[in-house]
């Protein structure tokens, strides 16, 4: 299936030298696409049109948009199950992503992968992964292939604060540093591993230090500021491309919704979530900056929102009107 360009196709062009007005508007548009897409996915889940697990990325949009804006064509991305935002940032088409979420034959994995398990080789997106931390050694393996081929490409491997406590992560760290593999480990620290706060589950809460015993450098970044994310990602990618081996970026971010759609999130107060929304929201913050610097008007932002809502509604309509997979599809793409 040919893949049309998505609204957020930031991965197919080299980043601008600085955060120009065009870049800032693009960041705003890309983050808002993810926000509105996830809100629609939440609605479809509530209507019973999305089954199984569904983990929303609402609140964390600045992380993937900022990192993707720093990448070059050919760089790969791999992540965990909270993956819809990463797909859209890589330029995957919202129609086919939503189709996969709703289990339709037009989806990226023909309706068999669902929310957690779809990919696009064309867009260099190597999947969301349902097993906590499983994508870290796989991403390290992709980086090994890049090193072996000498192609100058870097793998960006995303995982969360919960996965940071998994043993396989440290096995991957050891090999990555030993062989100087070109991999950026992006730890999306959204403060809660499923329902447990970082303070209760992690002896070392500064995740950028997690690679210190392997001599892997790390940096903590404001993951609610897309410009700060892009700046840190540019340096990290250059570090890897220069043959220095792996690096860790800890993105301090926050998810507004529960761990998954079935999570009532009673382990934190409503006041806590509201405070972050009002004071630290990445999209609102950038929108205010655009207006304050006269790079856009309030009407411009409303027009962007209207256009994105139209794209997202069209993706939902396309998905719900698409056919479900033929039962024979159960026997394709399997090992035995």
Protein backbone atom coordinates (compact mmCIF):
# COMPACT_ATOMS: atom_id res chain seq x y z
CA UNK A 1 0.00 0.00 0.00
CA UNK A 2 1.37 3.38 -0.99
CA UNK A 3 1.59 5.77 1.94
CA UNK A 4 0.52 9.37 1.25
CA UNK A 5 2.35 12.12 3.08
CA UNK A 6 0.87 12.84 6.51
CA UNK A 7 0.23 16.31 7.86
CA UNK A 8 3.15 15.87 10.27
CA UNK A 9 5.74 14.57 7.81
CA UNK A 10 8.72 16.16 9.58
CA UNK A 11 10.97 13.17 9.05
CA UNK A 12 11.45 13.57 5.29
CA UNK A 13 13.35 16.85 5.24
CA UNK A 14 16.42 18.17 6.99
CA UNK A 15 15.70 20.48 9.91
CA UNK A 16 15.99 24.22 9.51
CA UNK A 17 19.14 25.79 11.03
CA UNK A 18 17.11 27.50 13.73
CA UNK A 19 13.60 27.76 15.07
CA UNK A 20 12.23 30.10 12.40
CA UNK A 21 8.65 31.31 12.34
CA UNK A 22 7.90 28.57 9.81
CA UNK A 23 9.45 25.94 12.09
CA UNK A 24 7.54 27.16 15.14
CA UNK A 25 4.24 27.08 13.25
CA UNK A 26 5.08 23.59 12.06
CA UNK A 27 5.83 22.47 15.60
CA UNK A 28 2.50 23.91 16.71
CA UNK A 29 0.64 22.20 13.87
CA UNK A 30 2.31 18.84 14.43
CA UNK A 31 1.67 18.86 18.18
CA UNK A 32 -1.94 19.89 17.68
CA UNK A 33 -2.46 17.10 15.15
CA UNK A 34 -1.32 14.56 17.74
CA UNK A 35 -3.53 16.13 20.43
CA UNK A 36 -6.67 16.16 18.29
CA UNK A 37 -5.98 12.68 16.90
CA UNK A 38 -5.62 11.25 20.39
CA UNK A 39 -8.79 12.97 21.56
CA UNK A 40 -10.66 11.40 18.65
CA UNK A 41 -9.12 8.00 19.40
CA UNK A 42 -10.38 8.33 22.97
CA UNK A 43 -13.87 9.05 21.64
CA UNK A 44 -13.82 6.05 19.30
CA UNK A 45 -12.63 3.84 22.14
CA UNK A 46 -15.55 5.00 24.26
CA UNK A 47 -17.90 4.13 21.40
CA UNK A 48 -16.51 0.60 21.23
CA UNK A 49 -14.88 1.11 17.82
CA UNK A 50 -11.36 0.58 19.21
CA UNK A 51 -10.79 -2.61 21.16
CA UNK A 52 -8.03 -3.93 23.36
CA UNK A 53 -5.55 -1.49 24.85
CA UNK A 54 -5.27 2.16 23.88
CA UNK A 55 -2.61 4.42 25.43
CA UNK A 56 -2.98 8.12 24.66
CA UNK A 57 -0.09 10.56 24.23
CA UNK A 58 -1.97 13.68 25.33
CA UNK A 59 0.39 16.06 27.14
CA UNK A 60 3.63 14.59 25.79
CA UNK A 61 3.42 15.94 22.23
CA UNK A 62 6.48 18.23 22.46
CA UNK A 63 8.82 15.29 22.97
CA UNK A 64 8.31 13.42 19.73
CA UNK A 65 7.73 16.54 17.62
CA UNK A 66 10.92 18.17 18.88
CA UNK A 67 13.06 15.06 18.42
CA UNK A 68 11.63 14.27 14.99
CA UNK A 69 12.38 17.82 13.83
CA UNK A 70 16.07 17.21 14.58
CA UNK A 71 16.34 13.90 12.71
CA UNK A 72 17.62 13.37 9.19
CA UNK A 73 16.13 11.19 6.43
CA UNK A 74 16.98 7.55 7.12
CA UNK A 75 17.08 7.85 10.91
CA UNK A 76 14.88 5.20 12.53
CA UNK A 77 12.35 5.40 15.33
CA UNK A 78 11.15 2.67 17.68
CA UNK A 79 8.98 3.06 20.76
CA UNK A 80 6.61 1.42 23.22
CA UNK A 81 2.83 1.07 23.25
CA UNK A 82 2.04 4.80 23.69
CA UNK A 83 2.91 5.22 20.06
CA UNK A 84 0.29 7.07 17.99
CA UNK A 85 2.08 10.39 18.38
CA UNK A 86 5.35 8.89 17.17
CA UNK A 87 3.63 7.50 14.08
CA UNK A 88 2.12 10.84 13.15
CA UNK A 89 5.38 12.69 13.79
CA UNK A 90 7.15 10.25 11.45
CA UNK A 91 4.71 11.22 8.70
CA UNK A 92 2.47 8.17 8.77
CA UNK A 93 -0.97 8.94 7.34
CA UNK A 94 -3.64 9.60 10.00
CA UNK A 95 -6.24 7.70 7.95
CA UNK A 96 -4.28 4.47 8.00
CA UNK A 97 -3.22 4.87 11.62
CA UNK A 98 -6.86 5.31 12.67
CA UNK A 99 -7.84 2.39 10.47
CA UNK A 100 -5.37 0.19 12.33
CA UNK A 101 -6.66 1.39 15.69
CA UNK A 102 -10.16 0.34 14.65
CA UNK A 103 -8.97 -3.01 13.29
CA UNK A 104 -9.67 -2.37 9.61
CA UNK A 105 -8.07 -3.91 6.54
CA UNK A 106 -6.81 -0.49 5.41
CA UNK A 107 -4.68 -0.15 8.55
CA UNK A 108 -0.89 -0.17 8.53
CA UNK A 109 -0.85 -3.77 9.83
CA UNK A 110 -4.01 -4.77 7.95
CA UNK A 111 -6.05 -4.50 11.14
CA UNK A 112 -4.06 -7.16 12.98
CA UNK A 113 -1.75 -4.95 15.04
CA UNK A 114 -4.10 -2.48 16.67
CA UNK A 115 -2.94 0.37 18.86
CA UNK A 116 0.28 -1.17 20.13
CA UNK A 117 1.71 -3.03 17.14
CA UNK A 118 1.91 -1.21 13.85
CA UNK A 119 4.87 -0.02 11.83
CA UNK A 120 5.97 1.58 8.59
CA UNK A 121 9.29 0.62 7.03
CA UNK A 122 8.81 3.42 4.49
CA UNK A 123 8.70 6.03 7.25
CA UNK A 124 11.46 4.28 9.25
CA UNK A 125 9.04 3.63 12.12
CA UNK A 126 9.80 0.21 13.54
CA UNK A 127 6.83 -0.16 15.75
CA UNK A 128 5.21 0.27 19.04
CA UNK A 129 5.90 -2.69 21.34
CA UNK A 130 3.58 -4.06 23.98
CA UNK A 131 6.20 -5.69 26.21
CA UNK A 132 7.66 -3.14 28.62
CA UNK A 133 11.21 -2.30 27.58
CA UNK A 134 11.31 -4.78 24.68
CA UNK A 135 11.91 -2.06 22.12
CA UNK A 136 15.20 -0.99 23.75
CA UNK A 137 17.31 -4.00 22.68
CA UNK A 138 15.55 -4.00 19.30
CA UNK A 139 16.40 -0.32 18.80
CA UNK A 140 19.95 -1.09 19.84
CA UNK A 141 20.02 -3.82 17.20
CA UNK A 142 18.87 -1.33 14.56
CA UNK A 143 21.74 0.92 15.63
CA UNK A 144 24.14 -2.04 15.31
CA UNK A 145 22.97 -2.49 11.72
CA UNK A 146 23.63 1.19 11.02
CA UNK A 147 27.13 0.92 12.49
CA UNK A 148 27.83 -2.25 10.50
CA UNK A 149 26.66 -0.65 7.26
CA UNK A 150 28.38 2.66 7.93
CA UNK A 151 25.36 4.56 6.62
CA UNK A 152 25.56 7.49 9.06
CA UNK A 153 22.03 6.87 10.33
CA UNK A 154 20.94 7.05 13.96
CA UNK A 155 18.23 5.11 15.78
CA UNK A 156 16.02 6.97 18.24
CA UNK A 157 14.77 4.53 20.86
CA UNK A 158 11.96 5.81 23.07
CA UNK A 159 10.93 4.28 26.39
CA UNK A 160 9.32 5.41 29.60
CA UNK A 161 10.31 5.83 33.23
CA UNK A 162 8.74 2.46 34.05
CA UNK A 163 10.69 0.63 31.35
CA UNK A 164 13.88 2.30 32.62
CA UNK A 165 13.85 -0.22 35.50
CA UNK A 166 13.85 -3.27 33.22
CA UNK A 167 16.98 -5.43 33.12
CA UNK A 168 17.15 -5.74 29.35
CA UNK A 169 17.57 -1.97 29.13
CA UNK A 170 20.93 -2.18 30.90
CA UNK A 171 22.09 -5.12 28.82
CA UNK A 172 21.38 -2.96 25.77
CA UNK A 173 23.20 0.01 27.33
CA UNK A 174 26.30 -2.11 27.89
CA UNK A 175 26.47 -3.36 24.32
CA UNK A 176 25.65 0.04 22.84
CA UNK A 177 28.55 1.72 24.65
CA UNK A 178 30.90 -1.20 24.16
CA UNK A 179 30.40 -1.08 20.39
CA UNK A 180 29.82 2.70 20.17
CA UNK A 181 26.45 2.28 18.50
CA UNK A 182 24.61 5.31 17.06
CA UNK A 183 21.51 5.26 19.26
CA UNK A 184 19.75 8.03 21.15
CA UNK A 185 17.82 6.66 24.13
CA UNK A 186 14.90 9.00 24.80
CA UNK A 187 13.39 8.35 28.22
CA UNK A 188 9.92 9.90 28.33
CA UNK A 189 9.59 10.52 32.05
CA UNK A 190 5.89 11.31 32.40
CA UNK A 191 6.13 10.94 36.19
CA UNK A 192 4.09 7.72 36.51
CA UNK A 193 4.93 4.13 35.57
CA UNK A 194 1.41 2.81 35.01
CA UNK A 195 -0.05 3.82 38.38
CA UNK A 196 3.12 4.24 40.42
CA UNK A 197 4.94 7.53 40.79
CA UNK A 198 8.63 7.74 39.96
CA UNK A 199 9.44 8.55 43.59
CA UNK A 200 7.86 5.29 44.77
CA UNK A 201 9.31 3.00 42.09
CA UNK A 202 12.79 4.28 41.29
CA UNK A 203 15.81 4.51 43.59
CA UNK A 204 17.45 6.93 41.12
CA UNK A 205 14.84 9.35 39.83
CA UNK A 206 17.22 11.27 37.57
CA UNK A 207 16.97 9.01 34.55
CA UNK A 208 19.56 10.84 32.50
CA UNK A 209 22.11 9.37 34.95
CA UNK A 210 21.03 5.79 34.29
CA UNK A 211 23.84 5.20 31.79
CA UNK A 212 26.65 6.59 33.95
CA UNK A 213 27.98 3.18 35.01
CA UNK A 214 28.35 2.35 31.30
CA UNK A 215 29.98 5.73 30.53
CA UNK A 216 26.93 6.81 28.52
CA UNK A 217 26.38 10.57 28.81
CA UNK A 218 22.93 11.93 29.55
CA UNK A 219 20.98 15.16 29.70
CA UNK A 220 17.72 16.13 31.33
CA UNK A 221 15.43 18.18 29.08
CA UNK A 222 12.20 20.10 29.58
CA UNK A 223 9.94 17.78 27.61
CA UNK A 224 7.09 20.29 27.71
CA UNK A 225 9.09 22.78 25.60
CA UNK A 226 9.37 21.70 21.96
CA UNK A 227 12.21 24.12 21.23
CA UNK A 228 14.27 22.81 24.14
CA UNK A 229 13.61 19.26 22.97
CA UNK A 230 14.73 19.99 19.42
CA UNK A 231 17.90 21.74 20.60
CA UNK A 232 18.87 18.81 22.83
CA UNK A 233 18.02 16.29 20.11
CA UNK A 234 20.19 18.09 17.55
CA UNK A 235 23.20 17.82 19.88
CA UNK A 236 22.47 14.19 20.75
CA UNK A 237 22.06 13.11 17.14
CA UNK A 238 25.26 14.89 16.18
CA UNK A 239 27.05 13.12 19.06
CA UNK A 240 25.96 9.74 17.70
CA UNK A 241 26.63 10.60 14.07
CA UNK A 242 30.17 11.63 15.01
CA UNK A 243 30.95 8.10 16.19
CA UNK A 244 30.80 8.76 19.94
CA UNK A 245 28.33 6.00 20.71
CA UNK A 246 25.00 6.19 22.57
CA UNK A 247 23.52 9.06 24.57
CA UNK A 248 20.51 9.39 26.87
CA UNK A 249 17.95 12.21 26.83
CA UNK A 250 15.56 12.27 29.77
CA UNK A 251 12.46 14.20 28.76
CA UNK A 252 10.58 15.53 31.78
CA UNK A 253 7.02 15.43 30.52
CA UNK A 254 3.52 14.62 31.75
CA UNK A 255 0.53 12.62 30.54
CA UNK A 256 -2.88 14.09 31.19
CA UNK A 257 -4.89 10.88 30.77
CA UNK A 258 -4.59 7.58 32.59
CA UNK A 259 -1.98 4.98 31.69
CA UNK A 260 -4.48 3.45 29.28
CA UNK A 261 -8.16 4.02 28.56
CA UNK A 262 -9.10 1.59 31.34
CA UNK A 263 -7.11 3.52 33.98
CA UNK A 264 -9.16 5.91 36.18
CA UNK A 265 -5.88 7.52 37.36
CA UNK A 266 -6.94 7.79 41.00
CA UNK A 267 -3.30 7.78 42.11
CA UNK A 268 -2.98 11.52 41.50
CA UNK A 269 -5.15 14.53 42.22
CA UNK A 270 -7.20 16.43 39.74
CA UNK A 271 -5.50 19.58 40.98
CA UNK A 272 -2.10 18.18 39.95
CA UNK A 273 -3.22 17.50 36.40
CA UNK A 274 -5.01 20.85 36.13
CA UNK A 275 -1.92 22.72 37.32
CA UNK A 276 0.24 21.16 34.59
CA UNK A 277 -2.41 21.83 31.93
CA UNK A 278 -2.71 25.47 32.92
CA UNK A 279 0.97 26.26 33.47
CA UNK A 280 3.00 23.86 31.33
CA UNK A 281 0.92 22.71 28.36
CA UNK A 282 3.32 22.48 25.38
CA UNK A 283 0.75 23.48 22.76
CA UNK A 284 -0.75 26.39 24.68
CA UNK A 285 2.74 27.62 25.57
CA UNK A 286 3.88 27.66 21.95
CA UNK A 287 0.62 29.19 20.76
CA UNK A 288 1.03 32.05 23.22
CA UNK A 289 4.60 32.56 22.03
CA UNK A 290 3.54 32.68 18.40
CA UNK A 291 0.97 35.36 19.18
CA UNK A 292 3.26 37.34 21.49
CA UNK A 293 6.01 37.45 18.85
CA UNK A 294 3.47 38.34 16.15
CA UNK A 295 4.29 35.20 14.22
CA UNK A 296 0.61 34.27 14.20
CA UNK A 297 -2.71 35.70 15.30
CA UNK A 298 -5.41 34.07 17.39
CA UNK A 299 -7.40 33.70 14.18
CA UNK A 300 -4.44 31.92 12.56
CA UNK A 301 -4.33 29.42 15.41
CA UNK A 302 -8.08 28.86 15.17
CA UNK A 303 -7.71 28.22 11.44
CA UNK A 304 -4.96 25.67 12.08
CA UNK A 305 -7.15 23.93 14.64
CA UNK A 306 -10.09 23.87 12.24
CA UNK A 307 -7.97 22.33 9.49
CA UNK A 308 -6.56 19.68 11.82
CA UNK A 309 -9.98 18.78 13.17
CA UNK A 310 -11.08 18.28 9.57
CA UNK A 311 -8.12 15.94 8.91
CA UNK A 312 -8.78 13.96 12.09
CA UNK A 313 -12.53 13.69 11.45
CA UNK A 314 -11.80 12.51 7.92
CA UNK A 315 -9.42 9.86 9.28
CA UNK A 316 -12.11 8.59 11.66
CA UNK A 317 -14.68 8.53 8.88
CA UNK A 318 -12.29 6.70 6.56
CA UNK A 319 -11.53 4.16 9.26
CA UNK A 320 -15.11 3.42 10.26
CA UNK A 321 -16.15 3.05 6.63
CA UNK A 322 -13.30 0.66 5.81
CA UNK A 323 -13.85 -3.08 5.75
CA UNK A 324 -12.74 -5.39 8.51
CA UNK A 325 -10.04 -7.91 7.53
CA UNK A 326 -11.07 -11.09 5.80
CA UNK A 327 -10.80 -14.08 8.19
CA UNK A 328 -8.17 -15.55 5.84
CA UNK A 329 -5.87 -12.68 6.90
CA UNK A 330 -5.27 -14.62 10.12
CA UNK A 331 -3.02 -16.96 8.16
CA UNK A 332 -0.85 -14.38 6.41
CA UNK A 333 2.44 -12.89 7.63
CA UNK A 334 3.03 -15.68 10.15
CA UNK A 335 6.09 -17.84 10.70
CA UNK A 336 4.41 -21.23 10.64
